[in-house]
C-alpha cells in the first residue's frame, strides 16, 4: 500500500494572490506541494495529464495574459538548514517554497557573506537558479553550490552542481536545454564566514554612510533594502514583477556607435560585449511615469511596468511591446522581457 499522501486538485482556482502583478486570472486546475512526500502522487498525475502544467513559485516573474488552461502547481515547501561548514564557509540549504528575502536575511543575521546584495528581490528559492537572479554587482551563481531536483519524466532525483547549470546573465540550463524537464526542490549556497563585501555600485556606500554605519554584511543588506524600497513599488500596494526587461548586451562595436550619438548612456563590461541600462533607454524614450488606464510605467524606475489596479495582462503586454518598439527605433537595440509572459 502506498503511504505517500495524495495531492488535492482544486478546479477553477483564482490566482490573483499568487502573482505579483495581481492579475485576476484562474487556473483550470490547481494544487500545491507542501511536503516532498507528495511528489510521487504529483508525478503520477502529471504523467497521465494531457494538458499544460505550470510550476509557480512566488509568482514574481510571470505575467498572465489570460486564464491558465491547465494545471498550476505551487511549490510551498518550507525549511532552511545549515548542512555543512568549515572554518571558511558555511553551506545553507533552502527549500523551494521559501521566500527568497527571508532566506537572505536568515544568512545576513548570522553574518554569512555573499547574498546581502540580493536583499529584497521578490520570489522564492526554487526559481532563483532558473533565472540566475542578480542585483547590485552580484549574481546568485556567485554563491550557488548545488540544487536538488526531480525529473518530471522519470521521477529520478538528481543533484546539479554549478558547472552543470550553464549560468549566464538571467539564464541557466533550466531556461533552455532542460526547460520544463526538472522540478527544483531545494538550493544550497556556499557562503563566507569571512565576508568580502561587494560595494561596487556607488549607491551602496553612499547609503551606508547616510545611515551612519560602517560597511558590513548587515549594513550592505540594509542599504540595498533601502535603495530598492526607494526605487521599486511594493507588489502588495502596486502590482508589478520588478524589472520587466533584461539589460541588453550588445557588441562593443554597436556600443561605440550608440555612445557616439548618446555619450551619457550607462554601460557595463559584459562577457561577450557591453551591457546597456535598459531603464535609461526606456526613460530617454519618454516612458517613465507613463500611464494608460491602469497599465503604466513606474514613476521612479522605468524598468518596472505596473498594474494600477484593474489592468489586464494583455494591456501590460501591449505596453511592453510599445516600449520595445520605441527603444528599437531610437537606439537600434532589442529589449527582451525578463518576465515570463503566459
Protein backbone atom coordinates (compact mmCIF):
# COMPACT_ATOMS: atom_id res chain seq x y z
CA UNK A 1 0.00 0.00 0.00
CA UNK A 2 1.33 3.45 -0.97
CA UNK A 3 1.96 5.54 2.15
CA UNK A 4 2.69 8.78 0.28
CA UNK A 5 -0.08 11.38 0.69
CA UNK A 6 -2.23 12.33 -2.28
CA UNK A 7 -2.35 15.87 -3.62
CA UNK A 8 -5.59 17.82 -3.70
CA UNK A 9 -6.69 19.28 -7.04
CA UNK A 10 -8.87 22.42 -6.94
CA UNK A 11 -10.90 23.35 -10.03
CA UNK A 12 -11.21 26.90 -11.44
CA UNK A 13 -8.78 28.37 -8.88
CA UNK A 14 -8.22 32.14 -8.65
CA UNK A 15 -4.51 33.01 -8.98
CA UNK A 16 -4.75 36.71 -8.10
CA UNK A 17 -2.96 36.34 -4.75
CA UNK A 18 -0.25 34.16 -6.29
CA UNK A 19 1.07 36.53 -8.97
CA UNK A 20 2.66 39.84 -8.01
CA UNK A 21 1.07 41.70 -10.95
CA UNK A 22 -2.21 40.89 -9.21
CA UNK A 23 -3.84 39.60 -12.39
CA UNK A 24 -7.35 38.34 -11.73
CA UNK A 25 -7.00 35.07 -13.64
CA UNK A 26 -7.94 31.47 -12.95
CA UNK A 27 -6.25 28.12 -13.32
CA UNK A 28 -8.37 25.32 -14.73
CA UNK A 29 -6.79 23.12 -12.04
CA UNK A 30 -4.54 23.97 -9.11
CA UNK A 31 -2.58 22.15 -6.43
CA UNK A 32 0.23 22.94 -4.05
CA UNK A 33 3.10 20.92 -2.68
CA UNK A 34 3.87 21.48 0.99
CA UNK A 35 5.95 18.34 1.53
CA UNK A 36 8.18 16.27 -0.74
CA UNK A 37 6.24 13.16 0.26
CA UNK A 38 3.52 14.44 -2.10
CA UNK A 39 5.84 14.25 -5.10
CA UNK A 40 5.14 10.61 -6.11
CA UNK A 41 1.41 11.33 -6.46
CA UNK A 42 2.10 14.61 -8.27
CA UNK A 43 4.46 12.92 -10.74
CA UNK A 44 1.98 10.11 -11.40
CA UNK A 45 -0.74 12.61 -12.15
CA UNK A 46 1.50 14.73 -14.38
CA UNK A 47 2.48 11.58 -16.27
CA UNK A 48 -1.18 10.96 -17.09
CA UNK A 49 -2.14 14.61 -17.56
CA UNK A 50 -2.90 15.63 -21.14
CA UNK A 51 -2.83 19.41 -20.62
CA UNK A 52 -0.28 22.09 -19.82
CA UNK A 53 1.46 22.19 -16.42
CA UNK A 54 2.86 25.36 -14.82
CA UNK A 55 5.06 25.35 -11.73
CA UNK A 56 4.62 28.53 -9.74
CA UNK A 57 6.88 29.86 -7.00
CA UNK A 58 6.35 33.37 -5.66
CA UNK A 59 4.61 34.46 -8.87
CA UNK A 60 7.01 37.41 -9.12
CA UNK A 61 8.32 36.67 -12.61
CA UNK A 62 5.15 35.95 -14.55
CA UNK A 63 2.55 37.95 -16.46
CA UNK A 64 -0.73 36.12 -17.07
CA UNK A 65 -2.47 37.42 -20.20
CA UNK A 66 -5.42 35.05 -19.79
CA UNK A 67 -6.75 32.24 -17.60
CA UNK A 68 -4.39 29.26 -17.45
CA UNK A 69 -5.98 26.32 -19.25
CA UNK A 70 -4.05 23.64 -17.45
CA UNK A 71 -2.68 22.58 -14.07
CA UNK A 72 -0.84 25.09 -11.87
CA UNK A 73 1.41 23.55 -9.21
CA UNK A 74 2.58 25.93 -6.50
CA UNK A 75 5.70 24.90 -4.63
CA UNK A 76 5.10 25.72 -0.95
CA UNK A 77 7.76 23.57 0.76
CA UNK A 78 9.47 25.36 3.67
CA UNK A 79 12.70 24.97 5.58
CA UNK A 80 16.17 26.49 5.97
CA UNK A 81 19.08 24.50 7.38
CA UNK A 82 22.84 24.60 7.70
CA UNK A 83 24.02 21.38 6.08
CA UNK A 84 27.81 21.72 6.44
CA UNK A 85 30.52 24.18 7.45
CA UNK A 86 34.23 24.58 7.95
CA UNK A 87 36.47 27.40 9.14
CA UNK A 88 35.87 29.45 5.98
CA UNK A 89 32.48 28.53 4.54
CA UNK A 90 29.00 27.57 5.62
CA UNK A 91 26.59 25.66 3.38
CA UNK A 92 22.97 26.75 3.79
CA UNK A 93 20.05 24.97 2.10
CA UNK A 94 16.62 26.47 1.47
CA UNK A 95 13.54 24.58 0.32
CA UNK A 96 11.95 25.65 -2.97
CA UNK A 97 8.93 27.34 -1.39
CA UNK A 98 10.92 29.54 0.98
CA UNK A 99 10.67 33.28 0.34
CA UNK A 100 13.96 34.49 -1.17
CA UNK A 101 14.39 37.55 1.04
CA UNK A 102 13.55 35.58 4.19
CA UNK A 103 16.37 33.22 3.26
CA UNK A 104 18.78 36.08 2.55
CA UNK A 105 18.01 37.72 5.90
CA UNK A 106 18.48 34.38 7.71
CA UNK A 107 22.03 34.38 6.31
CA UNK A 108 22.63 38.10 6.90
CA UNK A 109 21.61 37.85 10.57
CA UNK A 110 24.30 35.18 11.05
CA UNK A 111 26.92 37.26 9.20
CA UNK A 112 27.24 34.72 6.38
CA UNK A 113 28.53 36.72 3.42
CA UNK A 114 27.56 36.56 -0.24
CA UNK A 115 23.82 37.14 -0.58
CA UNK A 116 23.46 40.54 1.08
CA UNK A 117 23.41 42.43 -2.27
CA UNK A 118 20.43 40.29 -3.30
CA UNK A 119 18.22 41.51 -0.45
CA UNK A 120 14.54 42.21 -1.15
CA UNK A 121 14.45 40.52 -4.57
CA UNK A 122 10.93 39.12 -4.86
CA UNK A 123 10.23 35.43 -5.40
CA UNK A 124 11.09 32.07 -3.88
CA UNK A 125 14.25 29.97 -3.52
CA UNK A 126 13.22 27.37 -6.11
CA UNK A 127 13.09 29.78 -9.02
CA UNK A 128 16.31 31.65 -8.19
CA UNK A 129 18.65 29.34 -10.18
CA UNK A 130 16.39 29.23 -13.26
CA UNK A 131 16.93 32.90 -13.89
CA UNK A 132 20.24 33.32 -12.04
CA UNK A 133 18.81 36.33 -10.22
CA UNK A 134 21.14 39.26 -9.69
CA UNK A 135 21.42 42.84 -8.45
CA UNK A 136 23.99 45.43 -7.40
CA UNK A 137 27.01 43.67 -8.88
CA UNK A 138 26.18 40.17 -7.59
CA UNK A 139 24.51 37.15 -9.16
CA UNK A 140 23.08 34.07 -7.49
CA UNK A 141 25.66 31.90 -9.27
CA UNK A 142 28.46 33.60 -7.28
CA UNK A 143 27.49 31.67 -4.12
CA UNK A 144 25.47 28.80 -5.59
CA UNK A 145 26.76 25.37 -4.56
CA UNK A 146 24.18 22.83 -5.72
CA UNK A 147 20.48 22.08 -6.04
CA UNK A 148 18.25 19.06 -5.67
CA UNK A 149 15.72 18.38 -8.42
CA UNK A 150 13.43 15.65 -9.65
CA UNK A 151 12.88 14.63 -13.26
CA UNK A 152 9.27 15.19 -14.26
CA UNK A 153 9.54 12.39 -16.81
CA UNK A 154 11.29 9.62 -14.87
CA UNK A 155 10.81 10.61 -11.21
CA UNK A 156 14.57 10.31 -10.71
CA UNK A 157 16.10 12.63 -8.08
CA UNK A 158 19.26 14.39 -9.15
CA UNK A 159 21.80 16.90 -7.84
CA UNK A 160 23.04 19.71 -10.06
CA UNK A 161 26.30 21.45 -9.23
CA UNK A 162 27.30 24.88 -10.53
CA UNK A 163 29.26 23.65 -13.54
CA UNK A 164 26.20 21.70 -14.72
CA UNK A 165 23.83 24.67 -14.67
CA UNK A 166 25.21 26.83 -17.55
CA UNK A 167 24.61 30.02 -15.60
CA UNK A 168 24.60 33.23 -17.64
CA UNK A 169 23.04 36.66 -17.40
CA UNK A 170 19.48 35.95 -16.16
CA UNK A 171 19.86 32.50 -17.64
CA UNK A 172 20.59 28.85 -16.87
CA UNK A 173 20.25 25.36 -18.31
CA UNK A 174 16.77 25.25 -16.75
CA UNK A 175 15.65 28.09 -19.00
CA UNK A 176 16.96 26.44 -22.15
CA UNK A 177 18.14 22.84 -22.66
CA UNK A 178 16.34 21.43 -19.62
CA UNK A 179 13.34 23.76 -19.63
CA UNK A 180 10.28 22.01 -18.24
CA UNK A 181 12.18 18.79 -17.52
CA UNK A 182 13.07 19.17 -13.84
CA UNK A 183 11.36 20.46 -10.72
CA UNK A 184 13.79 22.20 -8.36
CA UNK A 185 13.24 21.06 -4.76
CA UNK A 186 15.96 22.89 -2.78
CA UNK A 187 19.04 25.04 -3.32
CA UNK A 188 22.27 25.07 -1.31
CA UNK A 189 24.58 28.09 -1.14
CA UNK A 190 28.22 28.27 -0.06
CA UNK A 191 28.58 31.45 2.00
CA UNK A 192 31.63 33.01 3.57
CA UNK A 193 32.35 33.25 7.29
CA UNK A 194 34.94 35.90 6.35
CA UNK A 195 32.85 38.08 4.07
CA UNK A 196 34.34 40.11 1.25
CA UNK A 197 31.82 42.85 0.60
CA UNK A 198 30.83 43.98 -2.87
CA UNK A 199 30.08 47.69 -2.78
CA UNK A 200 30.98 48.37 -6.40
CA UNK A 201 27.62 50.03 -7.04
CA UNK A 202 28.10 53.61 -5.87
CA UNK A 203 24.68 53.90 -4.29
CA UNK A 204 25.55 51.27 -1.67
CA UNK A 205 28.49 53.05 0.06
CA UNK A 206 26.59 56.35 -0.10
CA UNK A 207 23.55 54.76 1.54
CA UNK A 208 25.67 53.08 4.24
CA UNK A 209 27.29 56.44 5.01
CA UNK A 210 23.88 58.15 5.08
CA UNK A 211 22.73 55.53 7.61
CA UNK A 212 25.75 56.32 9.78
CA UNK A 213 27.05 52.77 9.61
CA UNK A 214 30.28 51.06 8.56
CA UNK A 215 30.38 48.50 5.73
CA UNK A 216 29.33 45.03 6.87
CA UNK A 217 27.10 42.20 5.70
CA UNK A 218 24.22 43.69 7.67
CA UNK A 219 24.73 47.29 6.58
CA UNK A 220 25.04 46.29 2.91
CA UNK A 221 21.78 44.33 3.22
CA UNK A 222 20.07 47.28 4.90
CA UNK A 223 21.43 49.69 2.28
CA UNK A 224 20.26 47.52 -0.63
CA UNK A 225 16.84 47.09 1.01
CA UNK A 226 16.54 50.86 1.48
CA UNK A 227 17.61 51.62 -2.11
CA UNK A 228 15.21 49.05 -3.56
CA UNK A 229 12.31 50.34 -1.47
CA UNK A 230 13.01 53.90 -2.62
CA UNK A 231 13.01 52.89 -6.29
CA UNK A 232 10.68 49.93 -6.60
CA UNK A 233 6.99 49.64 -5.71
CA UNK A 234 5.78 47.07 -3.17
CA UNK A 235 3.73 44.46 -5.12
CA UNK A 236 1.26 44.36 -2.23
CA UNK A 237 0.49 48.03 -2.91
CA UNK A 238 1.06 48.28 -6.67
CA UNK A 239 1.07 45.22 -8.93
CA UNK A 240 4.42 44.62 -10.62
CA UNK A 241 7.04 41.96 -11.27
CA UNK A 242 10.16 44.03 -10.63
CA UNK A 243 12.35 44.66 -13.66
CA UNK A 244 10.26 43.79 -16.69
CA UNK A 245 13.15 43.84 -19.19
CA UNK A 246 16.67 42.46 -19.19
CA UNK A 247 19.57 44.86 -19.60
CA UNK A 248 20.59 44.14 -23.22
CA UNK A 249 24.11 43.08 -24.14
CA UNK A 250 25.38 44.48 -27.46
CA UNK A 251 28.65 44.11 -29.33
CA UNK A 252 31.39 46.57 -28.43
CA UNK A 253 31.17 47.98 -31.96
CA UNK A 254 27.44 48.64 -31.61
CA UNK A 255 28.00 50.21 -28.21
CA UNK A 256 30.59 52.60 -29.63
CA UNK A 257 28.13 53.63 -32.35
CA UNK A 258 25.38 54.23 -29.78
CA UNK A 259 27.74 56.11 -27.47
CA UNK A 260 28.68 58.46 -30.30
CA UNK A 261 25.05 59.55 -30.52
CA UNK A 262 24.30 59.25 -26.77
CA UNK A 263 27.52 59.93 -24.78
CA UNK A 264 25.72 59.68 -21.42
CA UNK A 265 24.40 56.14 -21.89
CA UNK A 266 25.24 53.99 -18.84
CA UNK A 267 27.12 50.84 -19.81
CA UNK A 268 28.98 47.97 -18.16
CA UNK A 269 31.51 45.45 -19.42
CA UNK A 270 29.98 42.05 -20.15
CA UNK A 271 31.45 38.66 -21.09
CA UNK A 272 30.51 38.96 -24.76
CA UNK A 273 30.17 42.69 -25.30
CA UNK A 274 28.74 45.66 -23.41
CA UNK A 275 25.67 45.66 -21.19
CA UNK A 276 23.40 48.68 -21.55
CA UNK A 277 20.96 50.08 -19.00
CA UNK A 278 17.50 49.25 -20.31
CA UNK A 279 15.83 51.56 -17.78
CA UNK A 280 17.84 54.55 -19.02
CA UNK A 281 16.92 53.89 -22.65
CA UNK A 282 13.24 53.46 -21.77
CA UNK A 283 13.36 56.74 -19.87
CA UNK A 284 15.00 58.51 -22.84
CA UNK A 285 12.07 57.35 -24.95
CA UNK A 286 9.71 59.19 -22.60
CA UNK A 287 8.02 56.24 -20.92
CA UNK A 288 8.93 56.86 -17.28
CA UNK A 289 5.74 57.64 -15.34
CA UNK A 290 3.53 56.85 -18.36
CA UNK A 291 0.03 55.57 -17.69
CA UNK A 292 -2.73 54.32 -19.97
CA UNK A 293 -5.75 53.27 -17.94
CA UNK A 294 -4.43 51.01 -15.19
CA UNK A 295 -1.33 49.90 -17.11
CA UNK A 296 1.76 52.03 -16.67
CA UNK A 297 5.48 52.55 -16.13
CA UNK A 298 6.66 53.31 -12.63
CA UNK A 299 7.43 56.95 -11.92
CA UNK A 300 10.76 56.20 -10.19
CA UNK A 301 12.06 53.25 -12.24
CA UNK A 302 11.32 52.94 -15.96
CA UNK A 303 12.24 49.22 -15.96
CA UNK A 304 9.16 48.45 -13.88
CA UNK A 305 5.75 48.06 -15.51
CA UNK A 306 2.86 48.36 -13.08
CA UNK A 307 -0.77 47.44 -12.68
CA UNK A 308 -2.57 50.35 -11.02
CA UNK A 309 -5.50 48.11 -10.15
CA UNK A 310 -7.52 46.57 -12.93
CA UNK A 311 -5.17 46.34 -15.89
CA UNK A 312 -5.31 43.08 -17.81
CA UNK A 313 -2.24 41.09 -18.70
CA UNK A 314 -2.80 41.93 -22.36
CA UNK A 315 -2.78 45.65 -21.56
CA UNK A 316 0.54 45.31 -19.74
CA UNK A 317 1.94 43.20 -22.57
CA UNK A 318 0.74 45.71 -25.19
CA UNK A 319 2.54 48.46 -23.29
CA UNK A 320 5.71 46.33 -23.17
CA UNK A 321 5.58 45.84 -26.96
CA UNK A 322 5.22 49.60 -27.49
CA UNK A 323 8.28 50.20 -25.29
CA UNK A 324 10.27 47.56 -27.18
CA UNK A 325 9.37 49.23 -30.50
CA UNK A 326 10.36 52.71 -29.34
CA UNK A 327 13.72 51.59 -27.91
CA UNK A 328 14.45 49.70 -31.13
CA UNK A 329 13.54 52.77 -33.18
CA UNK A 330 15.65 55.20 -31.10
CA UNK A 331 18.69 53.08 -30.22
CA UNK A 332 18.61 50.11 -32.60
CA UNK A 333 18.56 47.78 -29.58
CA UNK A 334 16.10 44.95 -28.95
CA UNK A 335 14.83 44.65 -25.40
CA UNK A 336 13.89 41.22 -24.12
CA UNK A 337 11.35 40.70 -21.33
CA UNK A 338 12.75 39.25 -18.12
CA UNK A 339 9.22 38.27 -17.11
CA UNK A 340 7.60 35.07 -18.40
CA UNK A 341 4.53 36.00 -20.43
CA UNK A 342 1.76 33.40 -20.41
